[in-house]
Amino acid sequence: MIDVDLPGLSDQFVEALRQKGGSGAKLFYAQAVALQKQGNLKLARASYKAAMDTYNTSIDGVRASQDC
């Protein structure tokens, strides 16, 4: 997991993954955990919500493709 003892490093790590094309629920979840451990609960909540929204959207797409 991300070393949250160094504030800002986790943000740089997540941003680097995004620049390389990373996206999805796992990336949002990793960011949320790091923000929560840093004590930034407001942003952590938003990241958890984004993770759930992204996960639910991907699950809905799988279900729709199976219904055809």
C-alpha atoms as a PDB file:
ATOM      1  CA  MET A   1       0.000   0.000   0.000  1.00  0.00           C
ATOM      2  CA  ILE A   2       0.979   3.632  -0.213  1.00  0.00           C
ATOM      3  CA  ASP A   3       3.270   4.963   2.513  1.00  0.00           C
ATOM      4  CA  VAL A   4       1.090   7.662   4.062  1.00  0.00           C
ATOM      5  CA  ASP A   5       3.759   8.851   6.483  1.00  0.00           C
ATOM      6  CA  LEU A   6       4.988  11.167   3.738  1.00  0.00           C
ATOM      7  CA  PRO A   7       2.167  13.630   3.026  1.00  0.00           C
ATOM      8  CA  GLY A   8       1.825  14.479  -0.626  1.00  0.00           C
ATOM      9  CA  LEU A   9       3.708  11.413  -1.839  1.00  0.00           C
ATOM     10  CA  SER A  10       0.515   9.379  -2.095  1.00  0.00           C
ATOM     11  CA  ASP A  11      -1.067  12.174  -4.134  1.00  0.00           C
ATOM     12  CA  GLN A  12       1.915  12.176  -6.482  1.00  0.00           C
ATOM     13  CA  PHE A  13       1.736   8.396  -6.792  1.00  0.00           C
ATOM     14  CA  VAL A  14      -1.979   8.417  -7.641  1.00  0.00           C
ATOM     15  CA  GLU A  15      -1.508  11.286 -10.105  1.00  0.00           C
ATOM     16  CA  ALA A  16       1.350   9.430 -11.819  1.00  0.00           C
ATOM     17  CA  LEU A  17      -0.876   6.384 -12.230  1.00  0.00           C
ATOM     18  CA  ARG A  18      -3.620   8.550 -13.719  1.00  0.00           C
ATOM     19  CA  GLN A  19      -1.174  10.115 -16.184  1.00  0.00           C
ATOM     20  CA  LYS A  20      -0.190   6.611 -17.302  1.00  0.00           C
ATOM     21  CA  GLY A  21      -3.836   5.877 -18.043  1.00  0.00           C
ATOM     22  CA  GLY A  22      -4.825   4.367 -14.725  1.00  0.00           C
ATOM     23  CA  SER A  23      -8.429   4.709 -13.713  1.00  0.00           C
ATOM     24  CA  GLY A  24     -11.087   2.757 -11.992  1.00  0.00           C
ATOM     25  CA  ALA A  25     -12.399   1.886  -8.600  1.00  0.00           C
ATOM     26  CA  LYS A  26      -9.122   0.527  -7.222  1.00  0.00           C
ATOM     27  CA  LEU A  27      -7.304   3.773  -7.951  1.00  0.00           C
ATOM     28  CA  PHE A  28     -10.019   5.861  -6.293  1.00  0.00           C
ATOM     29  CA  TYR A  29     -10.036   3.453  -3.342  1.00  0.00           C
ATOM     30  CA  ALA A  30      -6.258   3.702  -2.872  1.00  0.00           C
ATOM     31  CA  GLN A  31      -6.506   7.475  -2.906  1.00  0.00           C
ATOM     32  CA  ALA A  32      -9.373   7.395  -0.400  1.00  0.00           C
ATOM     33  CA  VAL A  33      -7.441   5.209   2.039  1.00  0.00           C
ATOM     34  CA  ALA A  34      -4.382   7.461   1.803  1.00  0.00           C
ATOM     35  CA  LEU A  35      -6.447  10.604   2.342  1.00  0.00           C
ATOM     36  CA  GLN A  36      -8.234   9.046   5.306  1.00  0.00           C
ATOM     37  CA  LYS A  37      -4.961   8.062   6.958  1.00  0.00           C
ATOM     38  CA  GLN A  38      -3.710  11.616   6.427  1.00  0.00           C
ATOM     39  CA  GLY A  39      -6.805  12.887   8.231  1.00  0.00           C
ATOM     40  CA  ASN A  40      -8.411  14.528   5.210  1.00  0.00           C
ATOM     41  CA  LEU A  41     -11.829  12.964   5.754  1.00  0.00           C
ATOM     42  CA  LYS A  42     -13.792  15.256   3.447  1.00  0.00           C
ATOM     43  CA  LEU A  43     -11.675  14.385   0.405  1.00  0.00           C
ATOM     44  CA  ALA A  44     -11.480  10.741   1.491  1.00  0.00           C
ATOM     45  CA  ARG A  45     -15.272  10.563   1.477  1.00  0.00           C
ATOM     46  CA  ALA A  46     -15.394  11.966  -2.054  1.00  0.00           C
ATOM     47  CA  SER A  47     -12.823   9.409  -3.212  1.00  0.00           C
ATOM     48  CA  TYR A  48     -14.732   6.540  -1.590  1.00  0.00           C
ATOM     49  CA  LYS A  49     -17.887   7.741  -3.360  1.00  0.00           C
ATOM     50  CA  ALA A  50     -16.046   7.931  -6.683  1.00  0.00           C
ATOM     51  CA  ALA A  51     -14.729   4.399  -6.146  1.00  0.00           C
ATOM     52  CA  MET A  52     -18.226   3.069  -5.511  1.00  0.00           C
ATOM     53  CA  ASP A  53     -19.722   4.971  -8.456  1.00  0.00           C
ATOM     54  CA  THR A  54     -17.001   3.683 -10.775  1.00  0.00           C
ATOM     55  CA  TYR A  55     -17.421   0.119  -9.512  1.00  0.00           C
ATOM     56  CA  ASN A  56     -21.221   0.234  -9.835  1.00  0.00           C
ATOM     57  CA  THR A  57     -20.987   1.638 -13.356  1.00  0.00           C
ATOM     58  CA  SER A  58     -18.640  -1.154 -14.437  1.00  0.00           C
ATOM     59  CA  ILE A  59     -20.906  -3.814 -12.878  1.00  0.00           C
ATOM     60  CA  ASP A  60     -23.974  -2.343 -14.610  1.00  0.00           C
ATOM     61  CA  GLY A  61     -22.138  -2.494 -17.945  1.00  0.00           C
ATOM     62  CA  VAL A  62     -21.329  -6.173 -17.431  1.00  0.00           C
ATOM     63  CA  ARG A  63     -24.942  -6.942 -16.516  1.00  0.00           C
ATOM     64  CA  ALA A  64     -26.237  -5.093 -19.579  1.00  0.00           C
ATOM     65  CA  SER A  65     -23.926  -7.017 -21.900  1.00  0.00           C
ATOM     66  CA  GLN A  66     -25.065 -10.326 -20.402  1.00  0.00           C
ATOM     67  CA  ASP A  67     -28.745  -9.478 -20.946  1.00  0.00           C
ATOM     68  CA  CYS A  68     -28.357  -9.318 -24.737  1.00  0.00           C
END
